[in-house]
Amino acid sequence: MKKRDTTVYFFLFLILCLIAVQDGKIKRLEARRPATIYYVDNMAGVVTGKEFDGERYSITVSGYGKFLVNKEQYDRAIIGKGWKHE
């Protein structure tokens, strides 16, 4: 076997390994639930619902819809009370 043949086989093996790694990453990302995050800097409204699904906190604000929030904002929000995004 020539040195050139060994180099070609090595690069083919390397490419196959990279494809396998990328395939694993793609499958993991496809399994995740997508989230669209909107940044609203001047929103104010009344909280009509709160939801925690085990990994994400969200609140529903009348007239604006559902928003992903952090834990502090989720804990601070009270259903039926006004809410100002900070």
PDB file of N, CA and C in Angstrom:
ATOM      1  N   MET A   1       0.856  -1.174   0.000  1.00  0.00           N
ATOM      2  CA  MET A   1       0.000   0.000   0.000  1.00  0.00           C
ATOM      3  C   MET A   1       0.903   1.239   0.000  1.00  0.00           C
ATOM      4  N   LYS A   2       0.582   2.152  -0.833  1.00  0.00           N
ATOM      5  CA  LYS A   2       1.382   3.371  -0.938  1.00  0.00           C
ATOM      6  C   LYS A   2       1.003   4.339   0.175  1.00  0.00           C
ATOM      7  N   LYS A   3       1.914   5.266   0.434  1.00  0.00           N
ATOM      8  CA  LYS A   3       1.658   6.270   1.464  1.00  0.00           C
ATOM      9  C   LYS A   3       0.454   7.131   1.080  1.00  0.00           C
ATOM     10  N   ARG A   4       0.308   7.398  -0.199  1.00  0.00           N
ATOM     11  CA  ARG A   4      -0.814   8.216  -0.663  1.00  0.00           C
ATOM     12  C   ARG A   4      -2.144   7.502  -0.400  1.00  0.00           C
ATOM     13  N   ASP A   5      -2.192   6.203  -0.626  1.00  0.00           N
ATOM     14  CA  ASP A   5      -3.407   5.431  -0.360  1.00  0.00           C
ATOM     15  C   ASP A   5      -3.772   5.478   1.121  1.00  0.00           C
ATOM     16  N   THR A   6      -2.786   5.374   1.972  1.00  0.00           N
ATOM     17  CA  THR A   6      -3.027   5.435   3.415  1.00  0.00           C
ATOM     18  C   THR A   6      -3.593   6.791   3.803  1.00  0.00           C
ATOM     19  N   THR A   7      -3.065   7.843   3.219  1.00  0.00           N
ATOM     20  CA  THR A   7      -3.553   9.191   3.508  1.00  0.00           C
ATOM     21  C   THR A   7      -4.998   9.359   3.042  1.00  0.00           C
ATOM     22  N   VAL A   8      -5.314   8.841   1.883  1.00  0.00           N
ATOM     23  CA  VAL A   8      -6.678   8.940   1.362  1.00  0.00           C
ATOM     24  C   VAL A   8      -7.639   8.192   2.277  1.00  0.00           C
ATOM     25  N   TYR A   9      -7.281   6.978   2.683  1.00  0.00           N
ATOM     26  CA  TYR A   9      -8.145   6.204   3.580  1.00  0.00           C
ATOM     27  C   TYR A   9      -8.316   6.898   4.931  1.00  0.00           C
ATOM     28  N   PHE A  10      -7.247   7.519   5.408  1.00  0.00           N
ATOM     29  CA  PHE A  10      -7.333   8.240   6.679  1.00  0.00           C
ATOM     30  C   PHE A  10      -8.328   9.392   6.578  1.00  0.00           C
ATOM     31  N   PHE A  11      -8.244  10.165   5.504  1.00  0.00           N
ATOM     32  CA  PHE A  11      -9.165  11.289   5.343  1.00  0.00           C
ATOM     33  C   PHE A  11     -10.600  10.823   5.125  1.00  0.00           C
ATOM     34  N   LEU A  12     -10.798   9.732   4.418  1.00  0.00           N
ATOM     35  CA  LEU A  12     -12.145   9.179   4.264  1.00  0.00           C
ATOM     36  C   LEU A  12     -12.715   8.751   5.615  1.00  0.00           C
ATOM     37  N   PHE A  13     -11.882   8.103   6.427  1.00  0.00           N
ATOM     38  CA  PHE A  13     -12.313   7.697   7.771  1.00  0.00           C
ATOM     39  C   PHE A  13     -12.649   8.919   8.621  1.00  0.00           C
ATOM     40  N   LEU A  14     -11.823   9.954   8.534  1.00  0.00           N
ATOM     41  CA  LEU A  14     -12.062  11.182   9.283  1.00  0.00           C
ATOM     42  C   LEU A  14     -13.373  11.837   8.857  1.00  0.00           C
ATOM     43  N   ILE A  15     -13.643  11.869   7.579  1.00  0.00           N
ATOM     44  CA  ILE A  15     -14.891  12.461   7.078  1.00  0.00           C
ATOM     45  C   ILE A  15     -16.093  11.664   7.566  1.00  0.00           C
ATOM     46  N   LEU A  16     -16.006  10.346   7.546  1.00  0.00           N
ATOM     47  CA  LEU A  16     -17.111   9.513   8.040  1.00  0.00           C
ATOM     48  C   LEU A  16     -17.359   9.743   9.528  1.00  0.00           C
ATOM     49  N   CYS A  17     -16.298   9.904  10.300  1.00  0.00           N
ATOM     50  CA  CYS A  17     -16.455  10.191  11.736  1.00  0.00           C
ATOM     51  C   CYS A  17     -17.129  11.540  11.949  1.00  0.00           C
ATOM     52  N   LEU A  18     -16.727  12.540  11.191  1.00  0.00           N
ATOM     53  CA  LEU A  18     -17.341  13.862  11.317  1.00  0.00           C
ATOM     54  C   LEU A  18     -18.815  13.829  10.929  1.00  0.00           C
ATOM     55  N   ILE A  19     -19.154  13.070   9.909  1.00  0.00           N
ATOM     56  CA  ILE A  19     -20.556  12.937   9.510  1.00  0.00           C
ATOM     57  C   ILE A  19     -21.361  12.275  10.625  1.00  0.00           C
ATOM     58  N   ALA A  20     -20.803  11.252  11.258  1.00  0.00           N
ATOM     59  CA  ALA A  20     -21.503  10.571  12.353  1.00  0.00           C
ATOM     60  C   ALA A  20     -21.724  11.516  13.530  1.00  0.00           C
ATOM     61  N   VAL A  21     -20.732  12.331  13.851  1.00  0.00           N
ATOM     62  CA  VAL A  21     -20.869  13.287  14.956  1.00  0.00           C
ATOM     63  C   VAL A  21     -21.941  14.318  14.622  1.00  0.00           C
ATOM     64  N   GLN A  22     -21.927  14.844  13.413  1.00  0.00           N
ATOM     65  CA  GLN A  22     -22.924  15.832  13.006  1.00  0.00           C
ATOM     66  C   GLN A  22     -24.327  15.235  12.993  1.00  0.00           C
ATOM     67  N   ASP A  23     -24.449  13.984  12.595  1.00  0.00           N
ATOM     68  CA  ASP A  23     -25.748  13.320  12.591  1.00  0.00           C
ATOM     69  C   ASP A  23     -26.311  13.236  14.010  1.00  0.00           C
ATOM     70  N   GLY A  24     -25.452  12.932  14.972  1.00  0.00           N
ATOM     71  CA  GLY A  24     -25.896  12.892  16.368  1.00  0.00           C
ATOM     72  C   GLY A  24     -26.356  14.252  16.856  1.00  0.00           C
ATOM     73  N   LYS A  25     -25.634  15.297  16.493  1.00  0.00           N
ATOM     74  CA  LYS A  25     -26.022  16.653  16.894  1.00  0.00           C
ATOM     75  C   LYS A  25     -27.346  17.060  16.257  1.00  0.00           C
ATOM     76  N   ILE A  26     -27.527  16.717  14.995  1.00  0.00           N
ATOM     77  CA  ILE A  26     -28.772  17.063  14.304  1.00  0.00           C
ATOM     78  C   ILE A  26     -29.957  16.365  14.953  1.00  0.00           C
ATOM     79  N   LYS A  27     -29.826  15.087  15.270  1.00  0.00           N
ATOM     80  CA  LYS A  27     -30.921  14.352  15.914  1.00  0.00           C
ATOM     81  C   LYS A  27     -31.252  14.941  17.278  1.00  0.00           C
ATOM     82  N   ARG A  28     -30.224  15.339  18.036  1.00  0.00           N
ATOM     83  CA  ARG A  28     -30.454  15.929  19.354  1.00  0.00           C
ATOM     84  C   ARG A  28     -31.171  17.272  19.226  1.00  0.00           C
ATOM     85  N   LEU A  29     -30.777  18.093  18.261  1.00  0.00           N
ATOM     86  CA  LEU A  29     -31.422  19.391  18.071  1.00  0.00           C
ATOM     87  C   LEU A  29     -32.846  19.248  17.545  1.00  0.00           C
ATOM     88  N   GLU A  30     -33.097  18.268  16.697  1.00  0.00           N
ATOM     89  CA  GLU A  30     -34.452  18.053  16.194  1.00  0.00           C
ATOM     90  C   GLU A  30     -35.392  17.577  17.291  1.00  0.00           C
ATOM     91  N   ALA A  31     -34.855  16.910  18.306  1.00  0.00           N
ATOM     92  CA  ALA A  31     -35.689  16.419  19.404  1.00  0.00           C
ATOM     93  C   ALA A  31     -36.101  17.548  20.344  1.00  0.00           C
ATOM     94  N   ARG A  32     -35.369  18.646  20.343  1.00  0.00           N
ATOM     95  CA  ARG A  32     -35.711  19.770  21.214  1.00  0.00           C
ATOM     96  C   ARG A  32     -36.922  20.507  20.680  1.00  0.00           C
ATOM     97  N   ARG A  33     -37.684  21.060  21.601  1.00  0.00           N
ATOM     98  CA  ARG A  33     -38.848  21.842  21.208  1.00  0.00           C
ATOM     99  C   ARG A  33     -38.392  23.260  20.870  1.00  0.00           C
ATOM    100  N   PRO A  34     -38.728  23.773  19.702  1.00  0.00           N
ATOM    101  CA  PRO A  34     -38.271  25.116  19.336  1.00  0.00           C
ATOM    102  C   PRO A  34     -38.993  26.196  20.137  1.00  0.00           C
ATOM    103  N   ALA A  35     -38.311  27.298  20.346  1.00  0.00           N
ATOM    104  CA  ALA A  35     -38.903  28.427  21.064  1.00  0.00           C
ATOM    105  C   ALA A  35     -38.582  29.707  20.310  1.00  0.00           C
ATOM    106  N   THR A  36     -39.577  30.528  20.126  1.00  0.00           N
ATOM    107  CA  THR A  36     -39.388  31.841  19.528  1.00  0.00           C
ATOM    108  C   THR A  36     -39.442  32.854  20.653  1.00  0.00           C
ATOM    109  N   ILE A  37     -38.390  33.621  20.804  1.00  0.00           N
ATOM    110  CA  ILE A  37     -38.297  34.567  21.911  1.00  0.00           C
ATOM    111  C   ILE A  37     -38.409  35.975  21.348  1.00  0.00           C
ATOM    112  N   TYR A  38     -39.366  36.724  21.865  1.00  0.00           N
ATOM    113  CA  TYR A  38     -39.564  38.110  21.471  1.00  0.00           C
ATOM    114  C   TYR A  38     -39.130  39.003  22.622  1.00  0.00           C
ATOM    115  N   TYR A  39     -38.445  40.081  22.312  1.00  0.00           N
ATOM    116  CA  TYR A  39     -38.058  41.040  23.340  1.00  0.00           C
ATOM    117  C   TYR A  39     -38.972  42.247  23.209  1.00  0.00           C
ATOM    118  N   VAL A  40     -39.701  42.515  24.258  1.00  0.00           N
ATOM    119  CA  VAL A  40     -40.629  43.643  24.266  1.00  0.00           C
ATOM    120  C   VAL A  40     -40.178  44.579  25.371  1.00  0.00           C
ATOM    121  N   ASP A  41     -39.846  45.809  25.035  1.00  0.00           N
ATOM    122  CA  ASP A  41     -39.282  46.698  26.037  1.00  0.00           C
ATOM    123  C   ASP A  41     -40.274  47.696  26.616  1.00  0.00           C
ATOM    124  N   ASN A  42     -41.470  47.801  26.070  1.00  0.00           N
ATOM    125  CA  ASN A  42     -42.407  48.783  26.609  1.00  0.00           C
ATOM    126  C   ASN A  42     -43.801  48.182  26.827  1.00  0.00           C
ATOM    127  N   MET A  43     -43.866  46.903  27.114  1.00  0.00           N
ATOM    128  CA  MET A  43     -45.139  46.227  27.250  1.00  0.00           C
ATOM    129  C   MET A  43     -45.671  46.342  28.674  1.00  0.00           C
ATOM    130  N   ALA A  44     -46.953  46.554  28.798  1.00  0.00           N
ATOM    131  CA  ALA A  44     -47.631  46.529  30.094  1.00  0.00           C
ATOM    132  C   ALA A  44     -49.008  45.936  29.851  1.00  0.00           C
ATOM    133  N   GLY A  45     -49.474  45.110  30.763  1.00  0.00           N
ATOM    134  CA  GLY A  45     -50.778  44.479  30.601  1.00  0.00           C
ATOM    135  C   GLY A  45     -51.153  43.722  31.854  1.00  0.00           C
ATOM    136  N   VAL A  46     -52.205  42.912  31.765  1.00  0.00           N
ATOM    137  CA  VAL A  46     -52.697  42.132  32.894  1.00  0.00           C
ATOM    138  C   VAL A  46     -52.342  40.670  32.656  1.00  0.00           C
ATOM    139  N   VAL A  47     -51.763  40.043  33.670  1.00  0.00           N
ATOM    140  CA  VAL A  47     -51.387  38.637  33.584  1.00  0.00           C
ATOM    141  C   VAL A  47     -52.657  37.792  33.655  1.00  0.00           C
ATOM    142  N   THR A  48     -52.871  36.950  32.650  1.00  0.00           N
ATOM    143  CA  THR A  48     -54.065  36.102  32.634  1.00  0.00           C
ATOM    144  C   THR A  48     -53.732  34.633  32.833  1.00  0.00           C
ATOM    145  N   GLY A  49     -52.457  34.269  32.820  1.00  0.00           N
ATOM    146  CA  GLY A  49     -52.088  32.874  33.042  1.00  0.00           C
ATOM    147  C   GLY A  49     -50.597  32.707  33.235  1.00  0.00           C
ATOM    148  N   LYS A  50     -50.237  31.649  33.971  1.00  0.00           N
ATOM    149  CA  LYS A  50     -48.839  31.305  34.201  1.00  0.00           C
ATOM    150  C   LYS A  50     -48.675  29.821  33.896  1.00  0.00           C
ATOM    151  N   GLU A  51     -47.520  29.460  33.339  1.00  0.00           N
ATOM    152  CA  GLU A  51     -47.294  28.064  32.987  1.00  0.00           C
ATOM    153  C   GLU A  51     -45.821  27.718  33.166  1.00  0.00           C
ATOM    154  N   PHE A  52     -45.571  26.542  33.769  1.00  0.00           N
ATOM    155  CA  PHE A  52     -44.215  26.019  33.909  1.00  0.00           C
ATOM    156  C   PHE A  52     -44.244  24.586  33.411  1.00  0.00           C
ATOM    157  N   ASP A  53     -43.463  24.285  32.375  1.00  0.00           N
ATOM    158  CA  ASP A  53     -43.514  22.947  31.786  1.00  0.00           C
ATOM    159  C   ASP A  53     -42.324  22.079  32.164  1.00  0.00           C
ATOM    160  N   GLY A  54     -41.658  22.400  33.242  1.00  0.00           N
ATOM    161  CA  GLY A  54     -40.526  21.604  33.687  1.00  0.00           C
ATOM    162  C   GLY A  54     -39.187  22.204  33.327  1.00  0.00           C
ATOM    163  N   GLU A  55     -39.159  23.040  32.310  1.00  0.00           N
ATOM    164  CA  GLU A  55     -37.896  23.673  31.940  1.00  0.00           C
ATOM    165  C   GLU A  55     -38.053  25.123  31.504  1.00  0.00           C
ATOM    166  N   ARG A  56     -39.276  25.537  31.218  1.00  0.00           N
ATOM    167  CA  ARG A  56     -39.505  26.910  30.760  1.00  0.00           C
ATOM    168  C   ARG A  56     -40.628  27.558  31.549  1.00  0.00           C
ATOM    169  N   TYR A  57     -40.420  28.829  31.877  1.00  0.00           N
ATOM    170  CA  TYR A  57     -41.442  29.620  32.550  1.00  0.00           C
ATOM    171  C   TYR A  57     -42.095  30.523  31.511  1.00  0.00           C
ATOM    172  N   SER A  58     -43.418  30.568  31.502  1.00  0.00           N
ATOM    173  CA  SER A  58     -44.101  31.472  30.580  1.00  0.00           C
ATOM    174  C   SER A  58     -45.309  32.078  31.271  1.00  0.00           C
ATOM    175  N   ILE A  59     -45.643  33.289  30.850  1.00  0.00           N
ATOM    176  CA  ILE A  59     -46.847  33.946  31.352  1.00  0.00           C
ATOM    177  C   ILE A  59     -47.643  34.430  30.147  1.00  0.00           C
ATOM    178  N   THR A  60     -48.954  34.514  30.330  1.00  0.00           N
ATOM    179  CA  THR A  60     -49.832  35.032  29.291  1.00  0.00           C
ATOM    180  C   THR A  60     -50.317  36.397  29.737  1.00  0.00           C
ATOM    181  N   VAL A  61     -50.126  37.396  28.887  1.00  0.00           N
ATOM    182  CA  VAL A  61     -50.512  38.768  29.196  1.00  0.00           C
ATOM    183  C   VAL A  61     -51.614  39.162  28.218  1.00  0.00           C
ATOM    184  N   SER A  62     -52.718  39.687  28.774  1.00  0.00           N
ATOM    185  CA  SER A  62     -53.862  40.045  27.929  1.00  0.00           C
ATOM    186  C   SER A  62     -53.462  41.074  26.883  1.00  0.00           C
ATOM    187  N   GLY A  63     -53.898  40.831  25.669  1.00  0.00           N
ATOM    188  CA  GLY A  63     -53.614  41.750  24.583  1.00  0.00           C
ATOM    189  C   GLY A  63     -52.262  41.547  23.929  1.00  0.00           C
ATOM    190  N   TYR A  64     -51.390  40.738  24.523  1.00  0.00           N
ATOM    191  CA  TYR A  64     -50.052  40.548  23.979  1.00  0.00           C
ATOM    192  C   TYR A  64     -49.713  39.095  23.695  1.00  0.00           C
ATOM    193  N   GLY A  65     -50.290  38.152  24.436  1.00  0.00           N
ATOM    194  CA  GLY A  65     -50.011  36.742  24.207  1.00  0.00           C
ATOM    195  C   GLY A  65     -49.104  36.144  25.261  1.00  0.00           C
ATOM    196  N   LYS A  66     -48.441  35.050  24.891  1.00  0.00           N
ATOM    197  CA  LYS A  66     -47.613  34.277  25.814  1.00  0.00           C
ATOM    198  C   LYS A  66     -46.148  34.669  25.653  1.00  0.00           C
ATOM    199  N   PHE A  67     -45.456  34.811  26.795  1.00  0.00           N
ATOM    200  CA  PHE A  67     -44.055  35.207  26.790  1.00  0.00           C
ATOM    201  C   PHE A  67     -43.236  34.283  27.668  1.00  0.00           C
ATOM    202  N   LEU A  68     -42.028  33.948  27.198  1.00  0.00           N
ATOM    203  CA  LEU A  68     -41.071  33.232  28.034  1.00  0.00           C
ATOM    204  C   LEU A  68     -40.420  34.237  28.970  1.00  0.00           C
ATOM    205  N   VAL A  69     -40.355  33.886  30.240  1.00  0.00           N
ATOM    206  CA  VAL A  69     -39.765  34.779  31.236  1.00  0.00           C
ATOM    207  C   VAL A  69     -38.798  33.982  32.094  1.00  0.00           C
ATOM    208  N   ASN A  70     -37.969  34.692  32.856  1.00  0.00           N
ATOM    209  CA  ASN A  70     -37.089  33.984  33.779  1.00  0.00           C
ATOM    210  C   ASN A  70     -37.840  33.699  35.079  1.00  0.00           C
ATOM    211  N   LYS A  71     -37.210  32.957  35.982  1.00  0.00           N
ATOM    212  CA  LYS A  71     -37.881  32.522  37.210  1.00  0.00           C
ATOM    213  C   LYS A  71     -38.290  33.702  38.083  1.00  0.00           C
ATOM    214  N   GLU A  72     -37.448  34.726  38.154  1.00  0.00           N
ATOM    215  CA  GLU A  72     -37.784  35.895  38.981  1.00  0.00           C
ATOM    216  C   GLU A  72     -39.043  36.589  38.473  1.00  0.00           C
ATOM    217  N   GLN A  73     -39.144  36.781  37.171  1.00  0.00           N
ATOM    218  CA  GLN A  73     -40.327  37.419  36.600  1.00  0.00           C
ATOM    219  C   GLN A  73     -41.560  36.536  36.777  1.00  0.00           C
ATOM    220  N   TYR A  74     -41.380  35.227  36.633  1.00  0.00           N
ATOM    221  CA  TYR A  74     -42.489  34.284  36.808  1.00  0.00           C
ATOM    222  C   TYR A  74     -43.019  34.347  38.241  1.00  0.00           C
ATOM    223  N   ASP A  75     -42.098  34.362  39.213  1.00  0.00           N
ATOM    224  CA  ASP A  75     -42.512  34.424  40.620  1.00  0.00           C
ATOM    225  C   ASP A  75     -43.157  35.766  40.954  1.00  0.00           C
ATOM    226  N   ARG A  76     -42.708  36.833  40.328  1.00  0.00           N
ATOM    227  CA  ARG A  76     -43.224  38.165  40.607  1.00  0.00           C
ATOM    228  C   ARG A  76     -44.603  38.398  39.976  1.00  0.00           C
ATOM    229  N   ALA A  77     -44.898  37.710  38.879  1.00  0.00           N
ATOM    230  CA  ALA A  77     -46.170  37.904  38.176  1.00  0.00           C
ATOM    231  C   ALA A  77     -47.318  37.291  38.976  1.00  0.00           C
ATOM    232  N   ILE A  78     -48.401  38.049  39.129  1.00  0.00           N
ATOM    233  CA  ILE A  78     -49.596  37.596  39.839  1.00  0.00           C
ATOM    234  C   ILE A  78     -50.762  37.651  38.857  1.00  0.00           C
ATOM    235  N   ILE A  79     -51.481  36.526  38.746  1.00  0.00           N
ATOM    236  CA  ILE A  79     -52.610  36.461  37.816  1.00  0.00           C
ATOM    237  C   ILE A  79     -53.664  37.477  38.227  1.00  0.00           C
ATOM    238  N   GLY A  80     -54.118  38.276  37.261  1.00  0.00           N
ATOM    239  CA  GLY A  80     -55.126  39.302  37.507  1.00  0.00           C
ATOM    240  C   GLY A  80     -54.543  40.663  37.832  1.00  0.00           C
ATOM    241  N   LYS A  81     -53.246  40.732  38.048  1.00  0.00           N
ATOM    242  CA  LYS A  81     -52.583  42.006  38.355  1.00  0.00           C
ATOM    243  C   LYS A  81     -51.853  42.510  37.120  1.00  0.00           C
ATOM    244  N   GLY A  82     -51.573  43.788  37.121  1.00  0.00           N
ATOM    245  CA  GLY A  82     -50.806  44.374  36.026  1.00  0.00           C
ATOM    246  C   GLY A  82     -49.380  43.862  36.038  1.00  0.00           C
ATOM    247  N   TRP A  83     -48.767  43.885  34.874  1.00  0.00           N
ATOM    248  CA  TRP A  83     -47.389  43.423  34.761  1.00  0.00           C
ATOM    249  C   TRP A  83     -46.647  44.312  33.792  1.00  0.00           C
ATOM    250  N   LYS A  84     -45.512  44.818  34.225  1.00  0.00           N
ATOM    251  CA  LYS A  84     -44.668  45.675  33.389  1.00  0.00           C
ATOM    252  C   LYS A  84     -43.374  44.936  33.125  1.00  0.00           C
ATOM    253  N   HIS A  85     -43.039  44.752  31.864  1.00  0.00           N
ATOM    254  CA  HIS A  85     -41.791  44.080  31.494  1.00  0.00           C
ATOM    255  C   HIS A  85     -40.617  44.991  31.829  1.00  0.00           C
ATOM    256  N   GLU A  86     -39.618  44.431  32.478  1.00  0.00           N
ATOM    257  CA  GLU A  86     -38.436  45.228  32.855  1.00  0.00           C
ATOM    258  C   GLU A  86     -37.215  44.716  32.158  1.00  0.00           C
TER     259      GLU A  86
END
